[in-house]
N, C-alpha and C. Protein backbone atom coordinates (compact mmCIF):
# COMPACT_ATOMS: atom_id res chain seq x y z
N MET A 1 -2.89 19.10 15.85
CA MET A 1 -2.33 17.84 15.12
C MET A 1 -3.42 16.84 15.32
N THR A 2 -3.77 16.28 14.21
CA THR A 2 -4.96 15.25 14.14
C THR A 2 -4.26 13.89 14.52
N ARG A 3 -4.96 13.22 15.54
CA ARG A 3 -4.56 12.01 16.03
C ARG A 3 -5.28 10.80 15.40
N ASN A 4 -6.58 10.97 15.23
CA ASN A 4 -7.48 9.96 14.73
C ASN A 4 -8.59 10.63 13.96
N VAL A 5 -9.12 9.98 12.87
CA VAL A 5 -10.19 10.55 12.09
C VAL A 5 -11.17 9.44 11.73
N SER A 6 -12.48 9.65 11.94
CA SER A 6 -13.46 8.69 11.42
C SER A 6 -14.52 9.51 10.71
N GLN A 7 -15.47 8.82 10.07
CA GLN A 7 -16.56 9.57 9.42
C GLN A 7 -17.33 10.51 10.38
N SER A 8 -17.46 10.16 11.75
CA SER A 8 -18.23 11.03 12.54
C SER A 8 -17.47 11.80 13.59
N GLY A 9 -16.13 11.67 13.54
CA GLY A 9 -15.42 12.52 14.59
C GLY A 9 -13.89 12.58 14.33
N VAL A 10 -13.32 13.47 15.14
CA VAL A 10 -11.83 13.66 15.03
C VAL A 10 -11.27 13.77 16.45
N LEU A 11 -10.14 13.15 16.64
CA LEU A 11 -9.32 13.33 17.81
C LEU A 11 -8.09 14.11 17.57
N LEU A 12 -7.86 15.22 18.17
CA LEU A 12 -6.68 16.08 17.93
C LEU A 12 -6.03 16.69 19.17
N GLY A 13 -4.78 16.95 18.97
CA GLY A 13 -4.04 17.60 20.02
C GLY A 13 -4.00 19.05 19.90
N THR A 14 -4.20 19.75 21.00
CA THR A 14 -4.25 21.20 21.02
C THR A 14 -3.58 21.80 22.22
N SER A 15 -3.23 23.17 22.07
CA SER A 15 -2.69 23.78 23.25
C SER A 15 -3.75 24.49 24.09
N SER A 16 -4.95 24.64 23.42
CA SER A 16 -6.07 25.43 24.19
C SER A 16 -7.05 24.52 24.83
N ARG A 17 -7.47 25.01 25.99
CA ARG A 17 -8.45 24.33 26.79
C ARG A 17 -9.88 24.73 26.36
N PHE A 18 -10.51 23.96 25.58
CA PHE A 18 -11.85 24.25 25.06
C PHE A 18 -12.92 23.72 26.14
N GLN A 19 -14.13 23.97 25.87
CA GLN A 19 -15.24 23.56 26.72
C GLN A 19 -15.99 22.42 26.18
N ILE A 20 -16.27 21.39 26.94
CA ILE A 20 -17.16 20.24 26.41
C ILE A 20 -18.46 20.87 26.04
N GLY A 21 -18.99 20.57 24.95
CA GLY A 21 -20.28 21.03 24.54
C GLY A 21 -20.19 22.28 23.54
N GLU A 22 -19.01 22.87 23.53
CA GLU A 22 -18.72 23.99 22.65
C GLU A 22 -18.79 23.58 21.13
N GLN A 23 -19.51 24.38 20.37
CA GLN A 23 -19.34 24.21 18.95
C GLN A 23 -18.09 24.71 18.30
N THR A 24 -17.51 24.12 17.37
CA THR A 24 -16.21 24.46 16.80
C THR A 24 -16.32 24.21 15.31
N TRP A 25 -15.31 24.84 14.58
CA TRP A 25 -15.04 24.54 13.17
C TRP A 25 -13.66 24.03 13.09
N LEU A 26 -13.49 23.06 12.20
CA LEU A 26 -12.14 22.49 11.94
C LEU A 26 -11.87 22.59 10.40
N THR A 27 -10.63 22.72 10.08
CA THR A 27 -10.27 22.59 8.71
C THR A 27 -9.18 21.47 8.58
N LEU A 28 -9.48 20.47 7.81
CA LEU A 28 -8.63 19.28 7.74
C LEU A 28 -8.10 19.33 6.34
N ARG A 29 -6.81 19.03 6.24
CA ARG A 29 -6.25 18.98 4.87
C ARG A 29 -5.93 17.44 4.60
N THR A 30 -6.47 17.00 3.58
CA THR A 30 -6.47 15.70 3.17
C THR A 30 -5.21 15.32 2.24
N ASP A 31 -4.83 16.32 1.57
CA ASP A 31 -3.51 16.19 0.81
C ASP A 31 -2.98 17.68 0.59
N ARG A 32 -2.17 17.80 -0.33
CA ARG A 32 -1.68 19.30 -0.51
C ARG A 32 -2.70 20.17 -1.06
N ARG A 33 -3.75 19.76 -1.64
CA ARG A 33 -4.71 20.54 -2.23
C ARG A 33 -6.12 20.71 -1.62
N ALA A 34 -6.59 19.48 -1.08
CA ALA A 34 -7.94 19.48 -0.54
C ALA A 34 -8.09 19.90 0.89
N LEU A 35 -8.93 20.76 1.09
CA LEU A 35 -9.25 21.25 2.42
C LEU A 35 -10.69 20.94 2.77
N HIS A 36 -10.97 20.46 3.99
CA HIS A 36 -12.37 20.13 4.39
C HIS A 36 -12.71 21.00 5.58
N ASN A 37 -13.70 21.88 5.50
CA ASN A 37 -14.19 22.69 6.65
C ASN A 37 -15.30 21.94 7.26
N LEU A 38 -15.11 21.67 8.56
CA LEU A 38 -16.08 20.78 9.24
C LEU A 38 -16.55 21.54 10.50
N ARG A 39 -17.82 21.19 10.76
CA ARG A 39 -18.46 21.77 11.97
C ARG A 39 -18.66 20.66 12.89
N GLY A 40 -18.53 20.90 14.13
CA GLY A 40 -18.73 19.83 15.06
C GLY A 40 -18.87 20.38 16.55
N ARG A 41 -19.00 19.47 17.49
CA ARG A 41 -19.16 19.77 18.94
C ARG A 41 -18.11 18.98 19.69
N ILE A 42 -17.51 19.72 20.67
CA ILE A 42 -16.49 19.07 21.52
C ILE A 42 -17.24 18.12 22.47
N VAL A 43 -16.83 16.96 22.51
CA VAL A 43 -17.50 16.00 23.33
C VAL A 43 -16.48 15.34 24.38
N ARG A 44 -15.24 15.67 24.25
CA ARG A 44 -14.27 15.17 25.35
C ARG A 44 -13.04 16.07 25.24
N LEU A 45 -12.37 16.35 26.54
CA LEU A 45 -11.23 17.03 26.54
C LEU A 45 -10.43 16.52 27.72
N GLU A 46 -9.25 16.07 27.40
CA GLU A 46 -8.36 15.62 28.48
C GLU A 46 -6.89 15.98 28.35
N VAL A 47 -6.12 15.95 29.47
CA VAL A 47 -4.66 16.30 29.38
C VAL A 47 -4.04 15.14 28.52
N ASN A 48 -3.16 15.54 27.65
CA ASN A 48 -2.44 14.62 26.89
C ASN A 48 -1.12 14.13 27.69
N ALA A 49 -1.23 13.03 28.42
CA ALA A 49 -0.05 12.63 29.20
C ALA A 49 1.19 12.33 28.35
N ASP A 50 0.98 11.98 27.13
CA ASP A 50 2.12 11.65 26.14
C ASP A 50 2.73 12.87 25.46
N ALA A 51 2.20 14.08 25.79
CA ALA A 51 2.62 15.25 25.03
C ALA A 51 4.05 15.49 25.33
N GLU A 52 4.82 15.77 24.18
CA GLU A 52 6.26 16.01 24.20
C GLU A 52 6.46 17.47 24.18
N THR A 53 5.41 18.24 23.98
CA THR A 53 5.55 19.73 23.89
C THR A 53 4.19 20.27 24.43
N PRO A 54 4.28 21.44 25.05
CA PRO A 54 3.01 22.05 25.55
C PRO A 54 2.07 22.43 24.37
N MET A 55 2.45 22.38 23.16
CA MET A 55 1.67 22.68 21.95
C MET A 55 0.51 21.76 21.90
N TRP A 56 0.75 20.49 22.28
CA TRP A 56 -0.36 19.45 22.20
C TRP A 56 -0.73 18.97 23.63
N HIS A 57 -0.87 19.92 24.60
CA HIS A 57 -1.13 19.70 25.98
C HIS A 57 -2.40 18.92 26.33
N TYR A 58 -3.42 19.29 25.40
CA TYR A 58 -4.69 18.57 25.49
C TYR A 58 -5.14 17.70 24.36
N LEU A 59 -5.83 16.71 24.57
CA LEU A 59 -6.53 15.89 23.52
C LEU A 59 -8.05 16.28 23.54
N MET A 60 -8.48 16.61 22.34
CA MET A 60 -9.93 17.14 22.14
C MET A 60 -10.58 16.16 21.16
N ALA A 61 -11.79 15.65 21.48
CA ALA A 61 -12.57 14.88 20.64
C ALA A 61 -13.76 15.68 20.16
N VAL A 62 -13.98 15.68 18.88
CA VAL A 62 -14.95 16.37 18.17
C VAL A 62 -15.96 15.58 17.51
N ARG A 63 -17.17 15.65 17.75
CA ARG A 63 -18.21 14.81 16.99
C ARG A 63 -18.67 15.78 15.90
N LEU A 64 -18.56 15.33 14.71
CA LEU A 64 -18.87 16.15 13.54
C LEU A 64 -20.34 16.19 13.27
N SER A 65 -20.72 17.33 12.73
CA SER A 65 -22.19 17.52 12.38
C SER A 65 -22.60 16.84 11.12
N ASP A 66 -21.73 16.66 10.25
CA ASP A 66 -21.78 15.97 8.99
C ASP A 66 -20.69 15.01 8.72
N PRO A 67 -20.89 13.76 8.24
CA PRO A 67 -19.86 12.82 8.10
C PRO A 67 -18.82 13.23 7.05
N ILE A 68 -17.59 12.84 7.34
CA ILE A 68 -16.47 12.99 6.24
C ILE A 68 -16.63 11.92 5.27
N PRO A 69 -16.54 12.11 4.04
CA PRO A 69 -16.63 11.09 2.98
C PRO A 69 -15.46 10.07 3.18
N ASN A 70 -15.76 8.74 3.00
CA ASN A 70 -14.72 7.75 3.14
C ASN A 70 -13.43 8.00 2.27
N THR A 71 -13.69 8.57 1.09
CA THR A 71 -12.55 8.80 0.22
C THR A 71 -11.55 9.82 0.82
N ALA A 72 -12.17 10.81 1.56
CA ALA A 72 -11.29 11.74 2.22
C ALA A 72 -10.58 11.13 3.38
N ILE A 73 -11.25 10.23 4.12
CA ILE A 73 -10.58 9.64 5.22
C ILE A 73 -9.41 8.80 4.79
N SER A 74 -9.62 7.99 3.70
CA SER A 74 -8.51 7.11 3.12
C SER A 74 -7.30 7.98 2.73
N THR A 75 -7.54 9.11 2.14
CA THR A 75 -6.52 10.13 1.75
C THR A 75 -5.79 10.62 2.97
N MET A 76 -6.47 10.98 4.06
CA MET A 76 -5.81 11.44 5.31
C MET A 76 -5.00 10.30 5.90
N GLN A 77 -5.43 9.13 5.92
CA GLN A 77 -4.73 8.04 6.47
C GLN A 77 -3.40 7.71 5.82
N GLY A 78 -3.37 7.97 4.46
CA GLY A 78 -2.20 7.79 3.72
C GLY A 78 -1.17 8.88 3.82
N ALA A 79 -1.58 10.02 4.36
CA ALA A 79 -0.70 11.14 4.49
C ALA A 79 0.13 11.17 5.78
N PRO A 80 1.32 11.72 5.74
CA PRO A 80 2.12 11.79 6.95
C PRO A 80 1.36 12.36 8.20
N SER A 81 0.59 13.49 7.98
CA SER A 81 -0.11 14.02 9.03
C SER A 81 -1.24 14.91 8.46
N ALA A 82 -2.38 15.01 9.24
CA ALA A 82 -3.40 15.94 8.73
C ALA A 82 -3.38 17.13 9.69
N THR A 83 -3.84 18.28 9.15
CA THR A 83 -3.83 19.50 9.96
C THR A 83 -5.16 20.00 10.04
């Protein structure tokens, strides 16, 4: 579950414990049709103290290799949630 998105990074909830420094691929949906496949590196991982379910037990921050276009970010912010 995406918590926060900027041009250079994403903060998301996850049930998996990843390693800081690990490279990863993310797929973000900006609306019902548009998918963005993004490559990045995990820069922070912490226990999500506010998690209501084990599904989002960790918060993971990913620094993206390439920036997300502003138009895509504004679309995500207007959506109920990004995946």
